[in-house]
C-alpha cells in the first residue's frame, strides 16, 4: 500500500498481514471526516488483499488514477483489492488522502 497523495506512510503487507489506515496516516488531519481507524487492508494466506471500511464515514475507492470514486461503507462486504486500485481515506475530499495498491509477488 503505497502513499500517493496527502498520506505519508507506506505499508508492505505479506500473506497473513493486516494494516489499519486512518487519520494518523494523513499529512493534514481534517476534523470529523476521517476516523483514526478508517479502514483495514488484509492479505489472506493465498495473497488475496481485501479492504474493510471501519470509519463513521465511507472509505472511497477507484479502479485507477482518473477513474470515478465510489464509497465503501462499514456495513458492506469486504472489497477485493487489485493492483493499481486507489483507496481514499476522506470521502468528502477523495483526492486529498490517497493510497495506491501495488501487488508484488515474491517467489522465495
C-alpha atoms as a PDB file:
ATOM      1  CA  UNK A   1       0.000   0.000   0.000  1.00  0.00           C
ATOM      2  CA  UNK A   2       1.882   2.996  -1.361  1.00  0.00           C
ATOM      3  CA  UNK A   3       1.361   6.651  -0.393  1.00  0.00           C
ATOM      4  CA  UNK A   4       0.119   8.643  -3.380  1.00  0.00           C
ATOM      5  CA  UNK A   5      -1.350  11.996  -2.294  1.00  0.00           C
ATOM      6  CA  UNK A   6      -1.670  13.557   1.168  1.00  0.00           C
ATOM      7  CA  UNK A   7      -0.521  10.487   3.117  1.00  0.00           C
ATOM      8  CA  UNK A   8       2.980   9.651   4.231  1.00  0.00           C
ATOM      9  CA  UNK A   9       3.123   6.029   5.440  1.00  0.00           C
ATOM     10  CA  UNK A  10       3.998   3.097   3.179  1.00  0.00           C
ATOM     11  CA  UNK A  11       2.974  -0.417   4.180  1.00  0.00           C
ATOM     12  CA  UNK A  12       4.427  -3.623   2.749  1.00  0.00           C
ATOM     13  CA  UNK A  13       1.995  -6.387   3.631  1.00  0.00           C
ATOM     14  CA  UNK A  14       2.684 -10.095   3.278  1.00  0.00           C
ATOM     15  CA  UNK A  15       0.297 -13.023   3.260  1.00  0.00           C
ATOM     16  CA  UNK A  16      -1.496 -13.136   6.608  1.00  0.00           C
ATOM     17  CA  UNK A  17      -0.814  -9.444   7.419  1.00  0.00           C
ATOM     18  CA  UNK A  18      -3.340  -6.707   8.172  1.00  0.00           C
ATOM     19  CA  UNK A  19      -2.947  -2.925   8.421  1.00  0.00           C
ATOM     20  CA  UNK A  20      -5.326  -0.239   9.657  1.00  0.00           C
ATOM     21  CA  UNK A  21      -5.269   3.023   7.673  1.00  0.00           C
ATOM     22  CA  UNK A  22      -6.709   6.181   9.130  1.00  0.00           C
ATOM     23  CA  UNK A  23      -6.439   9.729  10.376  1.00  0.00           C
ATOM     24  CA  UNK A  24      -2.825   9.488  11.568  1.00  0.00           C
ATOM     25  CA  UNK A  25      -1.617   8.411   8.119  1.00  0.00           C
ATOM     26  CA  UNK A  26      -2.703  11.779   6.710  1.00  0.00           C
ATOM     27  CA  UNK A  27      -0.410  14.753   6.195  1.00  0.00           C
ATOM     28  CA  UNK A  28      -3.310  17.089   7.073  1.00  0.00           C
ATOM     29  CA  UNK A  29      -5.835  15.738   9.551  1.00  0.00           C
ATOM     30  CA  UNK A  30      -9.376  17.037   8.904  1.00  0.00           C
ATOM     31  CA  UNK A  31     -11.745  17.260  11.833  1.00  0.00           C
ATOM     32  CA  UNK A  32     -14.690  14.870  11.790  1.00  0.00           C
ATOM     33  CA  UNK A  33     -14.398  13.340   8.308  1.00  0.00           C
ATOM     34  CA  UNK A  34     -11.795  10.580   8.801  1.00  0.00           C
ATOM     35  CA  UNK A  35     -11.684   8.106  11.687  1.00  0.00           C
ATOM     36  CA  UNK A  36      -8.486   7.109  13.484  1.00  0.00           C
ATOM     37  CA  UNK A  37      -9.238   3.612  12.147  1.00  0.00           C
ATOM     38  CA  UNK A  38     -10.844   4.397   8.790  1.00  0.00           C
ATOM     39  CA  UNK A  39     -10.240   1.082   7.028  1.00  0.00           C
ATOM     40  CA  UNK A  40      -8.430  -2.231   7.228  1.00  0.00           C
ATOM     41  CA  UNK A  41      -6.360  -3.840   4.483  1.00  0.00           C
ATOM     42  CA  UNK A  42      -5.967  -7.594   4.977  1.00  0.00           C
ATOM     43  CA  UNK A  43      -3.910 -10.064   2.960  1.00  0.00           C
ATOM     44  CA  UNK A  44      -5.130 -13.657   3.139  1.00  0.00           C
ATOM     45  CA  UNK A  45      -2.832 -16.687   3.161  1.00  0.00           C
ATOM     46  CA  UNK A  46      -3.412 -17.071  -0.603  1.00  0.00           C
ATOM     47  CA  UNK A  47      -2.330 -13.459  -1.268  1.00  0.00           C
ATOM     48  CA  UNK A  48      -5.829 -12.022  -1.836  1.00  0.00           C
ATOM     49  CA  UNK A  49      -5.987  -8.479  -0.446  1.00  0.00           C
ATOM     50  CA  UNK A  50      -9.282  -7.087   0.834  1.00  0.00           C
ATOM     51  CA  UNK A  51     -10.445  -3.741   2.164  1.00  0.00           C
ATOM     52  CA  UNK A  52     -12.930  -3.327   5.008  1.00  0.00           C
ATOM     53  CA  UNK A  53     -14.273   0.121   5.857  1.00  0.00           C
ATOM     54  CA  UNK A  54     -14.268   0.801   9.618  1.00  0.00           C
ATOM     55  CA  UNK A  55     -14.953   4.522   9.861  1.00  0.00           C
ATOM     56  CA  UNK A  56     -18.074   6.504  10.611  1.00  0.00           C
ATOM     57  CA  UNK A  57     -17.938   7.811   7.043  1.00  0.00           C
ATOM     58  CA  UNK A  58     -17.364   5.656   3.927  1.00  0.00           C
ATOM     59  CA  UNK A  59     -13.907   4.842   2.600  1.00  0.00           C
ATOM     60  CA  UNK A  60     -13.589   5.794  -1.074  1.00  0.00           C
ATOM     61  CA  UNK A  61     -12.156   3.561  -3.807  1.00  0.00           C
ATOM     62  CA  UNK A  62     -11.448   3.755  -7.504  1.00  0.00           C
ATOM     63  CA  UNK A  63     -10.107   1.322 -10.065  1.00  0.00           C
ATOM     64  CA  UNK A  64      -7.155   3.514 -11.073  1.00  0.00           C
ATOM     65  CA  UNK A  65      -5.976   7.104 -11.220  1.00  0.00           C
ATOM     66  CA  UNK A  66      -8.579   9.209 -13.038  1.00  0.00           C
ATOM     67  CA  UNK A  67     -11.463   6.738 -12.596  1.00  0.00           C
ATOM     68  CA  UNK A  68     -14.591   7.741 -10.636  1.00  0.00           C
ATOM     69  CA  UNK A  69     -14.651   7.236  -6.865  1.00  0.00           C
ATOM     70  CA  UNK A  70     -17.194   5.050  -5.079  1.00  0.00           C
ATOM     71  CA  UNK A  71     -17.834   4.656  -1.368  1.00  0.00           C
ATOM     72  CA  UNK A  72     -17.401   1.550   0.756  1.00  0.00           C
ATOM     73  CA  UNK A  73     -19.475   1.659   3.942  1.00  0.00           C
ATOM     74  CA  UNK A  74     -18.545  -0.169   7.120  1.00  0.00           C
ATOM     75  CA  UNK A  75     -21.594  -2.461   6.828  1.00  0.00           C
ATOM     76  CA  UNK A  76     -20.513  -3.607   3.331  1.00  0.00           C
ATOM     77  CA  UNK A  77     -18.846  -6.891   2.432  1.00  0.00           C
ATOM     78  CA  UNK A  78     -15.025  -6.764   2.204  1.00  0.00           C
ATOM     79  CA  UNK A  79     -13.838  -5.436  -1.159  1.00  0.00           C
ATOM     80  CA  UNK A  80     -11.197  -7.470  -3.025  1.00  0.00           C
ATOM     81  CA  UNK A  81      -8.349  -5.148  -3.994  1.00  0.00           C
ATOM     82  CA  UNK A  82      -6.488  -5.305  -7.289  1.00  0.00           C
ATOM     83  CA  UNK A  83      -3.172  -3.886  -8.425  1.00  0.00           C
ATOM     84  CA  UNK A  84      -3.380  -0.145  -9.085  1.00  0.00           C
ATOM     85  CA  UNK A  85      -6.628   0.391  -7.205  1.00  0.00           C
ATOM     86  CA  UNK A  86      -6.693   3.523  -5.066  1.00  0.00           C
ATOM     87  CA  UNK A  87      -8.021   3.967  -1.529  1.00  0.00           C
ATOM     88  CA  UNK A  88      -9.068   7.390  -0.257  1.00  0.00           C
ATOM     89  CA  UNK A  89      -9.447   7.974   3.459  1.00  0.00           C
ATOM     90  CA  UNK A  90     -11.608  11.110   3.130  1.00  0.00           C
ATOM     91  CA  UNK A  91     -14.876  10.708   1.207  1.00  0.00           C
ATOM     92  CA  UNK A  92     -15.516  14.485   1.441  1.00  0.00           C
ATOM     93  CA  UNK A  93     -12.221  15.167  -0.394  1.00  0.00           C
ATOM     94  CA  UNK A  94     -11.344  11.874  -2.126  1.00  0.00           C
ATOM     95  CA  UNK A  95      -8.322  13.281  -3.944  1.00  0.00           C
ATOM     96  CA  UNK A  96      -6.766  14.580  -0.723  1.00  0.00           C
ATOM     97  CA  UNK A  97      -5.541  11.424   1.065  1.00  0.00           C
ATOM     98  CA  UNK A  98      -4.859   8.534  -1.307  1.00  0.00           C
ATOM     99  CA  UNK A  99      -3.038   5.209  -1.123  1.00  0.00           C
ATOM    100  CA  UNK A 100      -2.408   3.043  -4.201  1.00  0.00           C
ATOM    101  CA  UNK A 101      -2.385  -0.763  -4.022  1.00  0.00           C
ATOM    102  CA  UNK A 102       0.708  -2.289  -5.537  1.00  0.00           C
ATOM    103  CA  UNK A 103       0.956  -6.051  -5.919  1.00  0.00           C
ATOM    104  CA  UNK A 104       4.412  -7.551  -5.764  1.00  0.00           C
ATOM    105  CA  UNK A 105       4.885 -11.289  -5.992  1.00  0.00           C
ATOM    106  CA  UNK A 106       7.844 -12.852  -4.234  1.00  0.00           C
ATOM    107  CA  UNK A 107       8.916 -16.325  -5.270  1.00  0.00           C
ATOM    108  CA  UNK A 108      11.067 -17.446  -2.334  1.00  0.00           C
END
